[in-house]
Amino acid sequence: MKKSKQEIITFKADASLLEAMKGIPNRSEFIRAAILASLDSVCPLCKGAGILTPYQKSHFDSFLMDHSLEECEKCREVHLICLNKP
């Protein structure tokens, strides 16, 4: 079994983030878990950019011809609805 090579990644944190992370016993593991959880929730269209490219927007506009965005009555989150349901 080949062991994967690990790399060190650094980032800047302001005082409030440092304060919030005080007391976390294994901050590296916490940060890894938070990043993996965030990556699992990335928008499949924009891949986390928050903006669609012109081509993505064109495809999405075509998609919306048979779908709509609606707010859930229970959780109030916006979700896709297929308009072609039988």
PDB file of N, CA and C in Angstrom:
ATOM      1  N   MET A   1       0.833  -1.169   0.000  1.00  0.00           N
ATOM      2  CA  MET A   1       0.000   0.000   0.000  1.00  0.00           C
ATOM      3  C   MET A   1       0.887   1.244   0.000  1.00  0.00           C
ATOM      4  N   LYS A   2       0.662   2.109  -1.000  1.00  0.00           N
ATOM      5  CA  LYS A   2       1.461   3.318  -1.123  1.00  0.00           C
ATOM      6  C   LYS A   2       0.865   4.422  -0.260  1.00  0.00           C
ATOM      7  N   LYS A   3       1.688   5.040   0.540  1.00  0.00           N
ATOM      8  CA  LYS A   3       1.243   6.124   1.399  1.00  0.00           C
ATOM      9  C   LYS A   3       1.199   7.418   0.587  1.00  0.00           C
ATOM     10  N   SER A   4       0.087   8.139   0.690  1.00  0.00           N
ATOM     11  CA  SER A   4      -0.029   9.381  -0.065  1.00  0.00           C
ATOM     12  C   SER A   4       0.816  10.470   0.585  1.00  0.00           C
ATOM     13  N   LYS A   5       1.388  11.302  -0.273  1.00  0.00           N
ATOM     14  CA  LYS A   5       2.211  12.413   0.207  1.00  0.00           C
ATOM     15  C   LYS A   5       1.302  13.523   0.717  1.00  0.00           C
ATOM     16  N   GLN A   6       1.620  14.048   1.866  1.00  0.00           N
ATOM     17  CA  GLN A   6       0.846  15.157   2.421  1.00  0.00           C
ATOM     18  C   GLN A   6       1.583  16.462   2.156  1.00  0.00           C
ATOM     19  N   GLU A   7       0.813  17.511   1.943  1.00  0.00           N
ATOM     20  CA  GLU A   7       1.371  18.844   1.750  1.00  0.00           C
ATOM     21  C   GLU A   7       0.846  19.758   2.838  1.00  0.00           C
ATOM     22  N   ILE A   8       1.602  20.763   3.143  1.00  0.00           N
ATOM     23  CA  ILE A   8       1.186  21.753   4.126  1.00  0.00           C
ATOM     24  C   ILE A   8       0.579  22.929   3.380  1.00  0.00           C
ATOM     25  N   ILE A   9      -0.605  23.333   3.815  1.00  0.00           N
ATOM     26  CA  ILE A   9      -1.284  24.494   3.266  1.00  0.00           C
ATOM     27  C   ILE A   9      -1.452  25.483   4.406  1.00  0.00           C
ATOM     28  N   THR A  10      -1.139  26.733   4.160  1.00  0.00           N
ATOM     29  CA  THR A  10      -1.306  27.759   5.181  1.00  0.00           C
ATOM     30  C   THR A  10      -2.331  28.780   4.713  1.00  0.00           C
ATOM     31  N   PHE A  11      -2.947  29.448   5.666  1.00  0.00           N
ATOM     32  CA  PHE A  11      -3.869  30.530   5.341  1.00  0.00           C
ATOM     33  C   PHE A  11      -3.841  31.552   6.462  1.00  0.00           C
ATOM     34  N   LYS A  12      -4.257  32.752   6.121  1.00  0.00           N
ATOM     35  CA  LYS A  12      -4.301  33.817   7.120  1.00  0.00           C
ATOM     36  C   LYS A  12      -5.632  33.755   7.861  1.00  0.00           C
ATOM     37  N   ALA A  13      -5.573  34.047   9.151  1.00  0.00           N
ATOM     38  CA  ALA A  13      -6.779  34.071   9.989  1.00  0.00           C
ATOM     39  C   ALA A  13      -6.763  35.347  10.818  1.00  0.00           C
ATOM     40  N   ASP A  14      -7.910  36.023  10.844  1.00  0.00           N
ATOM     41  CA  ASP A  14      -7.978  37.237  11.647  1.00  0.00           C
ATOM     42  C   ASP A  14      -8.146  36.873  13.121  1.00  0.00           C
ATOM     43  N   ALA A  15      -8.069  37.883  13.968  1.00  0.00           N
ATOM     44  CA  ALA A  15      -8.107  37.667  15.415  1.00  0.00           C
ATOM     45  C   ALA A  15      -9.394  36.985  15.865  1.00  0.00           C
ATOM     46  N   SER A  16     -10.531  37.335  15.244  1.00  0.00           N
ATOM     47  CA  SER A  16     -11.795  36.729  15.675  1.00  0.00           C
ATOM     48  C   SER A  16     -11.844  35.235  15.341  1.00  0.00           C
ATOM     49  N   LEU A  17     -11.275  34.839  14.203  1.00  0.00           N
ATOM     50  CA  LEU A  17     -11.231  33.411  13.872  1.00  0.00           C
ATOM     51  C   LEU A  17     -10.295  32.670  14.817  1.00  0.00           C
ATOM     52  N   LEU A  18      -9.159  33.252  15.088  1.00  0.00           N
ATOM     53  CA  LEU A  18      -8.225  32.629  16.039  1.00  0.00           C
ATOM     54  C   LEU A  18      -8.872  32.455  17.405  1.00  0.00           C
ATOM     55  N   GLU A  19      -9.592  33.468  17.843  1.00  0.00           N
ATOM     56  CA  GLU A  19     -10.277  33.393  19.133  1.00  0.00           C
ATOM     57  C   GLU A  19     -11.338  32.296  19.126  1.00  0.00           C
ATOM     58  N   ALA A  20     -12.097  32.219  18.031  1.00  0.00           N
ATOM     59  CA  ALA A  20     -13.159  31.211  17.921  1.00  0.00           C
ATOM     60  C   ALA A  20     -12.593  29.795  17.924  1.00  0.00           C
ATOM     61  N   MET A  21     -11.360  29.637  17.434  1.00  0.00           N
ATOM     62  CA  MET A  21     -10.766  28.303  17.352  1.00  0.00           C
ATOM     63  C   MET A  21      -9.989  27.910  18.603  1.00  0.00           C
ATOM     64  N   LYS A  22      -9.885  28.842  19.556  1.00  0.00           N
ATOM     65  CA  LYS A  22      -9.201  28.508  20.814  1.00  0.00           C
ATOM     66  C   LYS A  22      -9.942  27.355  21.479  1.00  0.00           C
ATOM     67  N   GLY A  23      -9.201  26.439  22.031  1.00  0.00           N
ATOM     68  CA  GLY A  23      -9.819  25.333  22.754  1.00  0.00           C
ATOM     69  C   GLY A  23     -10.131  24.127  21.885  1.00  0.00           C
ATOM     70  N   ILE A  24     -10.019  24.272  20.567  1.00  0.00           N
ATOM     71  CA  ILE A  24     -10.210  23.103  19.695  1.00  0.00           C
ATOM     72  C   ILE A  24      -8.939  22.273  19.810  1.00  0.00           C
ATOM     73  N   PRO A  25      -9.044  21.035  20.291  1.00  0.00           N
ATOM     74  CA  PRO A  25      -7.851  20.247  20.581  1.00  0.00           C
ATOM     75  C   PRO A  25      -6.980  19.932  19.357  1.00  0.00           C
ATOM     76  N   ASN A  26      -7.591  19.635  18.223  1.00  0.00           N
ATOM     77  CA  ASN A  26      -6.821  19.315  17.021  1.00  0.00           C
ATOM     78  C   ASN A  26      -7.324  20.206  15.890  1.00  0.00           C
ATOM     79  N   ARG A  27      -6.784  21.406  15.837  1.00  0.00           N
ATOM     80  CA  ARG A  27      -7.265  22.372  14.848  1.00  0.00           C
ATOM     81  C   ARG A  27      -7.040  21.903  13.419  1.00  0.00           C
ATOM     82  N   SER A  28      -5.939  21.220  13.163  1.00  0.00           N
ATOM     83  CA  SER A  28      -5.676  20.732  11.801  1.00  0.00           C
ATOM     84  C   SER A  28      -6.769  19.765  11.352  1.00  0.00           C
ATOM     85  N   GLU A  29      -7.135  18.847  12.219  1.00  0.00           N
ATOM     86  CA  GLU A  29      -8.197  17.884  11.876  1.00  0.00           C
ATOM     87  C   GLU A  29      -9.543  18.597  11.714  1.00  0.00           C
ATOM     88  N   PHE A  30      -9.806  19.565  12.573  1.00  0.00           N
ATOM     89  CA  PHE A  30     -11.042  20.345  12.485  1.00  0.00           C
ATOM     90  C   PHE A  30     -11.115  21.077  11.143  1.00  0.00           C
ATOM     91  N   ILE A  31     -10.016  21.721  10.753  1.00  0.00           N
ATOM     92  CA  ILE A  31      -9.976  22.463   9.489  1.00  0.00           C
ATOM     93  C   ILE A  31     -10.137  21.515   8.306  1.00  0.00           C
ATOM     94  N   ARG A  32      -9.455  20.367   8.340  1.00  0.00           N
ATOM     95  CA  ARG A  32      -9.606  19.374   7.252  1.00  0.00           C
ATOM     96  C   ARG A  32     -11.056  18.940   7.118  1.00  0.00           C
ATOM     97  N   ALA A  33     -11.704  18.632   8.238  1.00  0.00           N
ATOM     98  CA  ALA A  33     -13.100  18.187   8.218  1.00  0.00           C
ATOM     99  C   ALA A  33     -14.019  19.289   7.692  1.00  0.00           C
ATOM    100  N   ALA A  34     -13.763  20.533   8.103  1.00  0.00           N
ATOM    101  CA  ALA A  34     -14.591  21.654   7.642  1.00  0.00           C
ATOM    102  C   ALA A  34     -14.440  21.868   6.144  1.00  0.00           C
ATOM    103  N   ILE A  35     -13.229  21.762   5.641  1.00  0.00           N
ATOM    104  CA  ILE A  35     -13.002  21.926   4.198  1.00  0.00           C
ATOM    105  C   ILE A  35     -13.687  20.810   3.425  1.00  0.00           C
ATOM    106  N   LEU A  36     -13.547  19.571   3.876  1.00  0.00           N
ATOM    107  CA  LEU A  36     -14.193  18.448   3.183  1.00  0.00           C
ATOM    108  C   LEU A  36     -15.712  18.585   3.200  1.00  0.00           C
ATOM    109  N   ALA A  37     -16.268  19.029   4.315  1.00  0.00           N
ATOM    110  CA  ALA A  37     -17.714  19.230   4.393  1.00  0.00           C
ATOM    111  C   ALA A  37     -18.157  20.334   3.441  1.00  0.00           C
ATOM    112  N   SER A  38     -17.379  21.395   3.354  1.00  0.00           N
ATOM    113  CA  SER A  38     -17.707  22.491   2.438  1.00  0.00           C
ATOM    114  C   SER A  38     -17.611  22.045   0.987  1.00  0.00           C
ATOM    115  N   LEU A  39     -16.616  21.269   0.659  1.00  0.00           N
ATOM    116  CA  LEU A  39     -16.459  20.792  -0.721  1.00  0.00           C
ATOM    117  C   LEU A  39     -17.615  19.895  -1.130  1.00  0.00           C
ATOM    118  N   ASP A  40     -18.207  19.215  -0.167  1.00  0.00           N
ATOM    119  CA  ASP A  40     -19.347  18.345  -0.454  1.00  0.00           C
ATOM    120  C   ASP A  40     -20.600  19.158  -0.760  1.00  0.00           C
ATOM    121  N   SER A  41     -20.603  20.432  -0.394  1.00  0.00           N
ATOM    122  CA  SER A  41     -21.767  21.290  -0.594  1.00  0.00           C
ATOM    123  C   SER A  41     -21.572  22.332  -1.692  1.00  0.00           C
ATOM    124  N   VAL A  42     -20.519  22.200  -2.467  1.00  0.00           N
ATOM    125  CA  VAL A  42     -20.239  23.168  -3.524  1.00  0.00           C
ATOM    126  C   VAL A  42     -21.266  23.030  -4.641  1.00  0.00           C
ATOM    127  N   CYS A  43     -21.718  24.144  -5.160  1.00  0.00           N
ATOM    128  CA  CYS A  43     -22.671  24.166  -6.274  1.00  0.00           C
ATOM    129  C   CYS A  43     -22.084  23.413  -7.463  1.00  0.00           C
ATOM    130  N   PRO A  44     -22.832  22.472  -8.019  1.00  0.00           N
ATOM    131  CA  PRO A  44     -22.300  21.703  -9.151  1.00  0.00           C
ATOM    132  C   PRO A  44     -22.166  22.523 -10.437  1.00  0.00           C
ATOM    133  N   LEU A  45     -22.859  23.636 -10.527  1.00  0.00           N
ATOM    134  CA  LEU A  45     -22.745  24.467 -11.731  1.00  0.00           C
ATOM    135  C   LEU A  45     -21.539  25.396 -11.677  1.00  0.00           C
ATOM    136  N   CYS A  46     -21.480  26.218 -10.641  1.00  0.00           N
ATOM    137  CA  CYS A  46     -20.407  27.220 -10.577  1.00  0.00           C
ATOM    138  C   CYS A  46     -19.171  26.706  -9.849  1.00  0.00           C
ATOM    139  N   LYS A  47     -19.273  25.548  -9.232  1.00  0.00           N
ATOM    140  CA  LYS A  47     -18.180  24.932  -8.476  1.00  0.00           C
ATOM    141  C   LYS A  47     -17.640  25.856  -7.394  1.00  0.00           C
ATOM    142  N   GLY A  48     -18.553  26.594  -6.767  1.00  0.00           N
ATOM    143  CA  GLY A  48     -18.181  27.434  -5.642  1.00  0.00           C
ATOM    144  C   GLY A  48     -17.794  28.853  -6.003  1.00  0.00           C
ATOM    145  N   ALA A  49     -17.778  29.195  -7.281  1.00  0.00           N
ATOM    146  CA  ALA A  49     -17.392  30.545  -7.688  1.00  0.00           C
ATOM    147  C   ALA A  49     -18.468  31.565  -7.339  1.00  0.00           C
ATOM    148  N   GLY A  50     -19.716  31.124  -7.312  1.00  0.00           N
ATOM    149  CA  GLY A  50     -20.816  32.032  -7.023  1.00  0.00           C
ATOM    150  C   GLY A  50     -21.343  32.756  -8.243  1.00  0.00           C
ATOM    151  N   ILE A  51     -20.709  32.535  -9.376  1.00  0.00           N
ATOM    152  CA  ILE A  51     -21.121  33.186 -10.620  1.00  0.00           C
ATOM    153  C   ILE A  51     -21.050  32.159 -11.748  1.00  0.00           C
ATOM    154  N   LEU A  52     -22.080  32.151 -12.591  1.00  0.00           N
ATOM    155  CA  LEU A  52     -22.084  31.263 -13.756  1.00  0.00           C
ATOM    156  C   LEU A  52     -21.376  31.943 -14.920  1.00  0.00           C
ATOM    157  N   THR A  53     -20.650  31.151 -15.697  1.00  0.00           N
ATOM    158  CA  THR A  53     -20.075  31.681 -16.933  1.00  0.00           C
ATOM    159  C   THR A  53     -21.221  31.926 -17.908  1.00  0.00           C
ATOM    160  N   PRO A  54     -20.997  32.687 -18.951  1.00  0.00           N
ATOM    161  CA  PRO A  54     -22.071  32.895 -19.934  1.00  0.00           C
ATOM    162  C   PRO A  54     -22.620  31.586 -20.506  1.00  0.00           C
ATOM    163  N   TYR A  55     -21.764  30.609 -20.748  1.00  0.00           N
ATOM    164  CA  TYR A  55     -22.229  29.318 -21.272  1.00  0.00           C
ATOM    165  C   TYR A  55     -23.049  28.561 -20.228  1.00  0.00           C
ATOM    166  N   GLN A  56     -22.596  28.567 -18.966  1.00  0.00           N
ATOM    167  CA  GLN A  56     -23.356  27.923 -17.898  1.00  0.00           C
ATOM    168  C   GLN A  56     -24.719  28.591 -17.745  1.00  0.00           C
ATOM    169  N   LYS A  57     -24.756  29.912 -17.818  1.00  0.00           N
ATOM    170  CA  LYS A  57     -26.013  30.651 -17.703  1.00  0.00           C
ATOM    171  C   LYS A  57     -26.958  30.266 -18.828  1.00  0.00           C
ATOM    172  N   SER A  58     -26.440  30.116 -20.032  1.00  0.00           N
ATOM    173  CA  SER A  58     -27.262  29.714 -21.170  1.00  0.00           C
ATOM    174  C   SER A  58     -27.855  28.323 -20.953  1.00  0.00           C
ATOM    175  N   HIS A  59     -27.027  27.391 -20.497  1.00  0.00           N
ATOM    176  CA  HIS A  59     -27.511  26.031 -20.210  1.00  0.00           C
ATOM    177  C   HIS A  59     -28.550  26.057 -19.096  1.00  0.00           C
ATOM    178  N   PHE A  60     -28.300  26.850 -18.059  1.00  0.00           N
ATOM    179  CA  PHE A  60     -29.228  26.914 -16.927  1.00  0.00           C
ATOM    180  C   PHE A  60     -30.555  27.533 -17.358  1.00  0.00           C
ATOM    181  N   ASP A  61     -30.490  28.558 -18.201  1.00  0.00           N
ATOM    182  CA  ASP A  61     -31.731  29.162 -18.714  1.00  0.00           C
ATOM    183  C   ASP A  61     -32.548  28.133 -19.488  1.00  0.00           C
ATOM    184  N   SER A  62     -31.882  27.301 -20.280  1.00  0.00           N
ATOM    185  CA  SER A  62     -32.586  26.233 -21.005  1.00  0.00           C
ATOM    186  C   SER A  62     -33.202  25.233 -20.027  1.00  0.00           C
ATOM    187  N   PHE A  63     -32.456  24.892 -18.995  1.00  0.00           N
ATOM    188  CA  PHE A  63     -32.933  23.965 -17.976  1.00  0.00           C
ATOM    189  C   PHE A  63     -34.192  24.507 -17.294  1.00  0.00           C
ATOM    190  N   LEU A  64     -34.202  25.814 -17.040  1.00  0.00           N
ATOM    191  CA  LEU A  64     -35.326  26.438 -16.343  1.00  0.00           C
ATOM    192  C   LEU A  64     -36.593  26.504 -17.187  1.00  0.00           C
ATOM    193  N   MET A  65     -36.501  26.179 -18.471  1.00  0.00           N
ATOM    194  CA  MET A  65     -37.707  26.144 -19.300  1.00  0.00           C
ATOM    195  C   MET A  65     -38.638  25.026 -18.823  1.00  0.00           C
ATOM    196  N   ASP A  66     -38.069  23.962 -18.243  1.00  0.00           N
ATOM    197  CA  ASP A  66     -38.855  22.828 -17.746  1.00  0.00           C
ATOM    198  C   ASP A  66     -38.767  22.677 -16.230  1.00  0.00           C
ATOM    199  N   HIS A  67     -38.159  23.637 -15.577  1.00  0.00           N
ATOM    200  CA  HIS A  67     -37.965  23.583 -14.128  1.00  0.00           C
ATOM    201  C   HIS A  67     -38.160  24.983 -13.554  1.00  0.00           C
ATOM    202  N   SER A  68     -38.391  25.039 -12.274  1.00  0.00           N
ATOM    203  CA  SER A  68     -38.480  26.342 -11.625  1.00  0.00           C
ATOM    204  C   SER A  68     -37.768  26.294 -10.281  1.00  0.00           C
ATOM    205  N   LEU A  69     -37.452  27.473  -9.778  1.00  0.00           N
ATOM    206  CA  LEU A  69     -36.886  27.611  -8.445  1.00  0.00           C
ATOM    207  C   LEU A  69     -38.016  28.031  -7.526  1.00  0.00           C
ATOM    208  N   GLU A  70     -38.210  27.282  -6.450  1.00  0.00           N
ATOM    209  CA  GLU A  70     -39.284  27.595  -5.506  1.00  0.00           C
ATOM    210  C   GLU A  70     -38.766  27.516  -4.080  1.00  0.00           C
ATOM    211  N   GLU A  71     -39.399  28.266  -3.209  1.00  0.00           N
ATOM    212  CA  GLU A  71     -39.047  28.237  -1.796  1.00  0.00           C
ATOM    213  C   GLU A  71     -39.842  27.139  -1.102  1.00  0.00           C
ATOM    214  N   CYS A  72     -39.159  26.305  -0.348  1.00  0.00           N
ATOM    215  CA  CYS A  72     -39.801  25.238   0.410  1.00  0.00           C
ATOM    216  C   CYS A  72     -40.627  25.864   1.540  1.00  0.00           C
ATOM    217  N   GLU A  73     -41.842  25.401   1.687  1.00  0.00           N
ATOM    218  CA  GLU A  73     -42.707  25.928   2.748  1.00  0.00           C
ATOM    219  C   GLU A  73     -42.225  25.547   4.135  1.00  0.00           C
ATOM    220  N   LYS A  74     -41.537  24.402   4.247  1.00  0.00           N
ATOM    221  CA  LYS A  74     -41.081  23.931   5.558  1.00  0.00           C
ATOM    222  C   LYS A  74     -39.775  24.594   5.993  1.00  0.00           C
ATOM    223  N   CYS A  75     -38.743  24.507   5.137  1.00  0.00           N
ATOM    224  CA  CYS A  75     -37.418  24.988   5.556  1.00  0.00           C
ATOM    225  C   CYS A  75     -37.049  26.350   4.988  1.00  0.00           C
ATOM    226  N   ARG A  76     -37.849  26.857   4.066  1.00  0.00           N
ATOM    227  CA  ARG A  76     -37.644  28.169   3.446  1.00  0.00           C
ATOM    228  C   ARG A  76     -36.417  28.248   2.538  1.00  0.00           C
ATOM    229  N   GLU A  77     -35.849  27.101   2.190  1.00  0.00           N
ATOM    230  CA  GLU A  77     -34.717  27.085   1.258  1.00  0.00           C
ATOM    231  C   GLU A  77     -35.244  26.994  -0.167  1.00  0.00           C
ATOM    232  N   VAL A  78     -34.522  27.599  -1.108  1.00  0.00           N
ATOM    233  CA  VAL A  78     -34.889  27.538  -2.517  1.00  0.00           C
ATOM    234  C   VAL A  78     -34.407  26.210  -3.088  1.00  0.00           C
ATOM    235  N   HIS A  79     -35.257  25.578  -3.884  1.00  0.00           N
ATOM    236  CA  HIS A  79     -34.882  24.306  -4.507  1.00  0.00           C
ATOM    237  C   HIS A  79     -35.496  24.220  -5.891  1.00  0.00           C
ATOM    238  N   LEU A  80     -35.045  23.258  -6.677  1.00  0.00           N
ATOM    239  CA  LEU A  80     -35.527  23.072  -8.048  1.00  0.00           C
ATOM    240  C   LEU A  80     -36.768  22.204  -8.080  1.00  0.00           C
ATOM    241  N   ILE A  81     -37.709  22.566  -8.932  1.00  0.00           N
ATOM    242  CA  ILE A  81     -38.933  21.797  -9.138  1.00  0.00           C
ATOM    243  C   ILE A  81     -39.014  21.456 -10.616  1.00  0.00           C
ATOM    244  N   CYS A  82     -39.262  20.177 -10.922  1.00  0.00           N
ATOM    245  CA  CYS A  82     -39.456  19.755 -12.305  1.00  0.00           C
ATOM    246  C   CYS A  82     -40.900  20.049 -12.699  1.00  0.00           C
ATOM    247  N   LEU A  83     -41.088  20.795 -13.760  1.00  0.00           N
ATOM    248  CA  LEU A  83     -42.435  21.153 -14.216  1.00  0.00           C
ATOM    249  C   LEU A  83     -43.084  20.068 -15.070  1.00  0.00           C
ATOM    250  N   ASN A  84     -42.314  19.053 -15.438  1.00  0.00           N
ATOM    251  CA  ASN A  84     -42.827  17.974 -16.276  1.00  0.00           C
ATOM    252  C   ASN A  84     -43.229  16.734 -15.488  1.00  0.00           C
ATOM    253  N   LYS A  85     -43.529  16.901 -14.212  1.00  0.00           N
ATOM    254  CA  LYS A  85     -43.961  15.755 -13.393  1.00  0.00           C
ATOM    255  C   LYS A  85     -45.309  15.261 -13.906  1.00  0.00           C
ATOM    256  N   PRO A  86     -45.491  13.948 -13.943  1.00  0.00           N
ATOM    257  CA  PRO A  86     -46.785  13.405 -14.372  1.00  0.00           C
ATOM    258  C   PRO A  86     -47.883  13.659 -13.356  1.00  0.00           C
TER     259      PRO A  86
END
